[in-house]
PDB file of N, CA and C in Angstrom:
ATOM      1  N   UNK A   1      -9.151 119.869  11.651  1.00  0.00           N
ATOM      2  CA  UNK A   1      -9.593 118.613  12.154  1.00  0.00           C
ATOM      3  C   UNK A   1     -11.191 118.950  12.120  1.00  0.00           C
ATOM      4  N   UNK A   2     -12.093 118.373  11.951  1.00  0.00           N
ATOM      5  CA  UNK A   2     -13.253 118.187  11.998  1.00  0.00           C
ATOM      6  C   UNK A   2     -13.983 117.932  13.182  1.00  0.00           C
ATOM      7  N   UNK A   3     -14.786 118.576  14.073  1.00  0.00           N
ATOM      8  CA  UNK A   3     -15.347 117.977  15.311  1.00  0.00           C
ATOM      9  C   UNK A   3     -16.766 117.089  14.892  1.00  0.00           C
ATOM     10  N   UNK A   4     -17.226 116.478  15.372  1.00  0.00           N
ATOM     11  CA  UNK A   4     -18.518 115.648  15.162  1.00  0.00           C
ATOM     12  C   UNK A   4     -19.400 115.733  16.491  1.00  0.00           C
ATOM     13  N   UNK A   5     -20.778 116.201  16.758  1.00  0.00           N
ATOM     14  CA  UNK A   5     -21.597 115.337  17.373  1.00  0.00           C
ATOM     15  C   UNK A   5     -22.371 114.177  17.700  1.00  0.00           C
ATOM     16  N   UNK A   6     -22.184 113.446  18.439  1.00  0.00           N
ATOM     17  CA  UNK A   6     -22.625 112.147  18.162  1.00  0.00           C
ATOM     18  C   UNK A   6     -24.040 112.013  18.491  1.00  0.00           C
ATOM     19  N   UNK A   7     -24.696 110.810  18.241  1.00  0.00           N
ATOM     20  CA  UNK A   7     -26.050 110.781  18.935  1.00  0.00           C
ATOM     21  C   UNK A   7     -26.095 110.687  20.354  1.00  0.00           C
ATOM     22  N   UNK A   8     -25.129 110.964  21.175  1.00  0.00           N
ATOM     23  CA  UNK A   8     -25.241 110.690  22.563  1.00  0.00           C
ATOM     24  C   UNK A   8     -25.584 112.229  23.084  1.00  0.00           C
ATOM     25  N   UNK A   9     -25.874 113.638  21.980  1.00  0.00           N
ATOM     26  CA  UNK A   9     -25.930 114.436  22.547  1.00  0.00           C
ATOM     27  C   UNK A   9     -27.593 114.855  22.788  1.00  0.00           C
ATOM     28  N   UNK A  10     -27.465 115.537  24.008  1.00  0.00           N
ATOM     29  CA  UNK A  10     -28.773 115.629  24.769  1.00  0.00           C
ATOM     30  C   UNK A  10     -29.765 116.832  24.310  1.00  0.00           C
ATOM     31  N   UNK A  11     -29.047 117.650  23.794  1.00  0.00           N
ATOM     32  CA  UNK A  11     -29.654 118.484  22.967  1.00  0.00           C
ATOM     33  C   UNK A  11     -29.543 120.137  24.507  1.00  0.00           C
ATOM     34  N   UNK A  12     -28.917 119.917  24.896  1.00  0.00           N
ATOM     35  CA  UNK A  12     -28.825 121.079  26.044  1.00  0.00           C
ATOM     36  C   UNK A  12     -28.563 122.358  25.844  1.00  0.00           C
ATOM     37  N   UNK A  13     -27.876 122.495  24.768  1.00  0.00           N
ATOM     38  CA  UNK A  13     -27.283 123.595  23.816  1.00  0.00           C
ATOM     39  C   UNK A  13     -25.839 124.644  24.555  1.00  0.00           C
ATOM     40  N   UNK A  14     -25.369 123.967  25.804  1.00  0.00           N
ATOM     41  CA  UNK A  14     -24.226 124.106  26.162  1.00  0.00           C
ATOM     42  C   UNK A  14     -23.279 124.326  25.050  1.00  0.00           C
ATOM     43  N   UNK A  15     -23.026 123.615  24.334  1.00  0.00           N
ATOM     44  CA  UNK A  15     -21.797 124.057  23.231  1.00  0.00           C
ATOM     45  C   UNK A  15     -22.414 124.983  22.366  1.00  0.00           C
ATOM     46  N   UNK A  16     -23.416 125.433  21.798  1.00  0.00           N
ATOM     47  CA  UNK A  16     -23.923 126.532  21.082  1.00  0.00           C
ATOM     48  C   UNK A  16     -23.634 127.917  21.490  1.00  0.00           C
ATOM     49  N   UNK A  17     -24.215 127.815  22.973  1.00  0.00           N
ATOM     50  CA  UNK A  17     -23.374 129.139  23.442  1.00  0.00           C
ATOM     51  C   UNK A  17     -22.077 129.458  23.994  1.00  0.00           C
ATOM     52  N   UNK A  18     -21.377 128.186  23.999  1.00  0.00           N
ATOM     53  CA  UNK A  18     -19.852 127.993  24.411  1.00  0.00           C
ATOM     54  C   UNK A  18     -19.071 128.763  22.940  1.00  0.00           C
ATOM     55  N   UNK A  19     -19.452 127.935  21.771  1.00  0.00           N
ATOM     56  CA  UNK A  19     -18.669 128.367  20.829  1.00  0.00           C
ATOM     57  C   UNK A  19     -18.531 130.071  20.007  1.00  0.00           C
ATOM     58  N   UNK A  20     -17.013 130.510  20.045  1.00  0.00           N
ATOM     59  CA  UNK A  20     -17.051 131.920  19.791  1.00  0.00           C
ATOM     60  C   UNK A  20     -17.237 132.102  18.543  1.00  0.00           C
ATOM     61  N   UNK A  21     -17.341 131.284  17.863  1.00  0.00           N
ATOM     62  CA  UNK A  21     -17.793 131.678  16.174  1.00  0.00           C
ATOM     63  C   UNK A  21     -19.170 131.182  15.556  1.00  0.00           C
ATOM     64  N   UNK A  22     -19.942 130.967  16.468  1.00  0.00           N
ATOM     65  CA  UNK A  22     -20.894 130.344  16.177  1.00  0.00           C
ATOM     66  C   UNK A  22     -21.228 129.186  15.065  1.00  0.00           C
ATOM     67  N   UNK A  23     -20.564 128.421  15.060  1.00  0.00           N
ATOM     68  CA  UNK A  23     -20.414 127.563  14.219  1.00  0.00           C
ATOM     69  C   UNK A  23     -21.570 126.582  14.396  1.00  0.00           C
ATOM     70  N   UNK A  24     -22.281 126.293  15.828  1.00  0.00           N
ATOM     71  CA  UNK A  24     -22.815 125.337  16.117  1.00  0.00           C
ATOM     72  C   UNK A  24     -24.429 125.845  16.122  1.00  0.00           C
ATOM     73  N   UNK A  25     -25.509 125.030  15.541  1.00  0.00           N
ATOM     74  CA  UNK A  25     -26.712 124.968  15.755  1.00  0.00           C
ATOM     75  C   UNK A  25     -27.543 123.849  15.965  1.00  0.00           C
ATOM     76  N   UNK A  26     -28.779 123.958  15.775  1.00  0.00           N
ATOM     77  CA  UNK A  26     -29.600 122.987  16.442  1.00  0.00           C
ATOM     78  C   UNK A  26     -29.870 122.668  14.895  1.00  0.00           C
ATOM     79  N   UNK A  27     -29.914 121.355  14.445  1.00  0.00           N
ATOM     80  CA  UNK A  27     -30.355 120.749  13.273  1.00  0.00           C
ATOM     81  C   UNK A  27     -31.596 120.257  13.526  1.00  0.00           C
ATOM     82  N   UNK A  28     -32.095 119.060  12.959  1.00  0.00           N
ATOM     83  CA  UNK A  28     -33.702 118.493  12.790  1.00  0.00           C
ATOM     84  C   UNK A  28     -33.431 117.768  13.928  1.00  0.00           C
ATOM     85  N   UNK A  29     -32.801 117.170  14.819  1.00  0.00           N
ATOM     86  CA  UNK A  29     -32.781 116.126  15.767  1.00  0.00           C
ATOM     87  C   UNK A  29     -31.828 116.481  16.942  1.00  0.00           C
ATOM     88  N   UNK A  30     -30.454 117.294  16.668  1.00  0.00           N
ATOM     89  CA  UNK A  30     -29.344 117.316  17.857  1.00  0.00           C
ATOM     90  C   UNK A  30     -28.743 118.566  17.207  1.00  0.00           C
ATOM     91  N   UNK A  31     -27.907 118.791  17.929  1.00  0.00           N
ATOM     92  CA  UNK A  31     -27.184 119.864  17.283  1.00  0.00           C
ATOM     93  C   UNK A  31     -25.759 119.521  16.219  1.00  0.00           C
ATOM     94  N   UNK A  32     -25.659 120.651  15.478  1.00  0.00           N
ATOM     95  CA  UNK A  32     -24.567 120.078  14.702  1.00  0.00           C
ATOM     96  C   UNK A  32     -23.578 121.320  14.412  1.00  0.00           C
ATOM     97  N   UNK A  33     -22.049 120.831  13.797  1.00  0.00           N
ATOM     98  CA  UNK A  33     -21.134 121.663  13.947  1.00  0.00           C
ATOM     99  C   UNK A  33     -20.935 122.080  12.486  1.00  0.00           C
ATOM    100  N   UNK A  34     -21.041 123.121  11.837  1.00  0.00           N
ATOM    101  CA  UNK A  34     -20.354 123.810  10.524  1.00  0.00           C
ATOM    102  C   UNK A  34     -19.188 123.787  10.467  1.00  0.00           C
ATOM    103  N   UNK A  35     -18.511 122.514   9.946  1.00  0.00           N
ATOM    104  CA  UNK A  35     -17.076 122.836  10.064  1.00  0.00           C
ATOM    105  C   UNK A  35     -16.316 123.595   9.482  1.00  0.00           C
ATOM    106  N   UNK A  36     -16.962 124.233   8.141  1.00  0.00           N
ATOM    107  CA  UNK A  36     -16.221 125.489   7.608  1.00  0.00           C
ATOM    108  C   UNK A  36     -16.298 126.705   8.354  1.00  0.00           C
ATOM    109  N   UNK A  37     -17.182 126.778   9.104  1.00  0.00           N
ATOM    110  CA  UNK A  37     -16.778 127.909  10.597  1.00  0.00           C
ATOM    111  C   UNK A  37     -16.083 127.403  11.585  1.00  0.00           C
ATOM    112  N   UNK A  38     -16.217 126.416  11.846  1.00  0.00           N
ATOM    113  CA  UNK A  38     -15.152 126.159  13.388  1.00  0.00           C
ATOM    114  C   UNK A  38     -14.026 126.361  13.152  1.00  0.00           C
ATOM    115  N   UNK A  39     -13.234 126.874  14.618  1.00  0.00           N
ATOM    116  CA  UNK A  39     -11.918 126.933  14.406  1.00  0.00           C
ATOM    117  C   UNK A  39     -11.257 126.138  15.347  1.00  0.00           C
ATOM    118  N   UNK A  40     -11.755 124.869  15.310  1.00  0.00           N
ATOM    119  CA  UNK A  40     -11.123 123.988  16.088  1.00  0.00           C
ATOM    120  C   UNK A  40     -10.385 124.410  17.622  1.00  0.00           C
ATOM    121  N   UNK A  41     -11.153 125.318  17.996  1.00  0.00           N
ATOM    122  CA  UNK A  41     -10.660 125.614  19.487  1.00  0.00           C
ATOM    123  C   UNK A  41     -10.944 124.899  20.863  1.00  0.00           C
ATOM    124  N   UNK A  42     -12.076 123.962  20.214  1.00  0.00           N
ATOM    125  CA  UNK A  42     -12.322 122.814  21.410  1.00  0.00           C
ATOM    126  C   UNK A  42     -13.032 123.336  22.499  1.00  0.00           C
ATOM    127  N   UNK A  43     -13.469 124.690  22.940  1.00  0.00           N
ATOM    128  CA  UNK A  43     -14.658 124.785  23.662  1.00  0.00           C
ATOM    129  C   UNK A  43     -15.933 123.877  23.921  1.00  0.00           C
ATOM    130  N   UNK A  44     -16.200 123.452  22.794  1.00  0.00           N
ATOM    131  CA  UNK A  44     -17.676 122.722  22.985  1.00  0.00           C
ATOM    132  C   UNK A  44     -17.366 121.302  23.290  1.00  0.00           C
ATOM    133  N   UNK A  45     -16.112 120.895  23.237  1.00  0.00           N
ATOM    134  CA  UNK A  45     -15.823 119.632  23.826  1.00  0.00           C
ATOM    135  C   UNK A  45     -15.919 119.800  25.079  1.00  0.00           C
ATOM    136  N   UNK A  46     -15.175 120.689  25.692  1.00  0.00           N
ATOM    137  CA  UNK A  46     -15.064 121.068  27.191  1.00  0.00           C
ATOM    138  C   UNK A  46     -16.304 121.456  27.606  1.00  0.00           C
ATOM    139  N   UNK A  47     -17.417 121.944  27.289  1.00  0.00           N
ATOM    140  CA  UNK A  47     -18.712 122.340  27.768  1.00  0.00           C
ATOM    141  C   UNK A  47     -19.467 121.333  27.675  1.00  0.00           C
ATOM    142  N   UNK A  48     -19.285 120.040  26.725  1.00  0.00           N
ATOM    143  CA  UNK A  48     -20.557 119.018  26.397  1.00  0.00           C
ATOM    144  C   UNK A  48     -20.540 118.431  27.953  1.00  0.00           C
ATOM    145  N   UNK A  49     -21.827 118.334  28.599  1.00  0.00           N
ATOM    146  CA  UNK A  49     -22.009 117.453  29.811  1.00  0.00           C
ATOM    147  C   UNK A  49     -22.245 115.969  29.290  1.00  0.00           C
ATOM    148  N   UNK A  50     -22.433 116.018  28.062  1.00  0.00           N
ATOM    149  CA  UNK A  50     -22.613 114.413  27.673  1.00  0.00           C
ATOM    150  C   UNK A  50     -21.566 113.567  26.978  1.00  0.00           C
ATOM    151  N   UNK A  51     -20.749 114.144  27.072  1.00  0.00           N
ATOM    152  CA  UNK A  51     -19.451 113.915  25.880  1.00  0.00           C
ATOM    153  C   UNK A  51     -19.605 113.587  24.737  1.00  0.00           C
ATOM    154  N   UNK A  52     -20.530 114.076  24.257  1.00  0.00           N
ATOM    155  CA  UNK A  52     -20.925 113.949  22.747  1.00  0.00           C
ATOM    156  C   UNK A  52     -20.159 114.188  21.498  1.00  0.00           C
ATOM    157  N   UNK A  53     -19.178 115.302  22.087  1.00  0.00           N
ATOM    158  CA  UNK A  53     -18.462 116.042  20.955  1.00  0.00           C
ATOM    159  C   UNK A  53     -16.914 115.400  20.897  1.00  0.00           C
ATOM    160  N   UNK A  54     -16.751 114.963  19.802  1.00  0.00           N
ATOM    161  CA  UNK A  54     -15.488 114.754  19.438  1.00  0.00           C
ATOM    162  C   UNK A  54     -14.698 115.173  18.373  1.00  0.00           C
ATOM    163  N   UNK A  55     -13.189 114.980  18.197  1.00  0.00           N
ATOM    164  CA  UNK A  55     -12.368 115.536  16.996  1.00  0.00           C
ATOM    165  C   UNK A  55     -12.312 114.248  16.443  1.00  0.00           C
ATOM    166  N   UNK A  56     -12.814 114.318  14.765  1.00  0.00           N
ATOM    167  CA  UNK A  56     -12.670 113.082  14.385  1.00  0.00           C
ATOM    168  C   UNK A  56     -11.623 113.505  13.192  1.00  0.00           C
TER     169      UNK A  56
END
């Protein structure tokens, strides 16, 4: 299952530092998830204060 970071992202970096496989990086205007690296652990969803990450 892919995870998506929505436009509600506040670019705080909480998700990036929480990801155990470093699948999250800063894109042009917000953080993005590399779905080829993501293991669907859900750590990013739990860490996001803006609730901007969802499973799609």
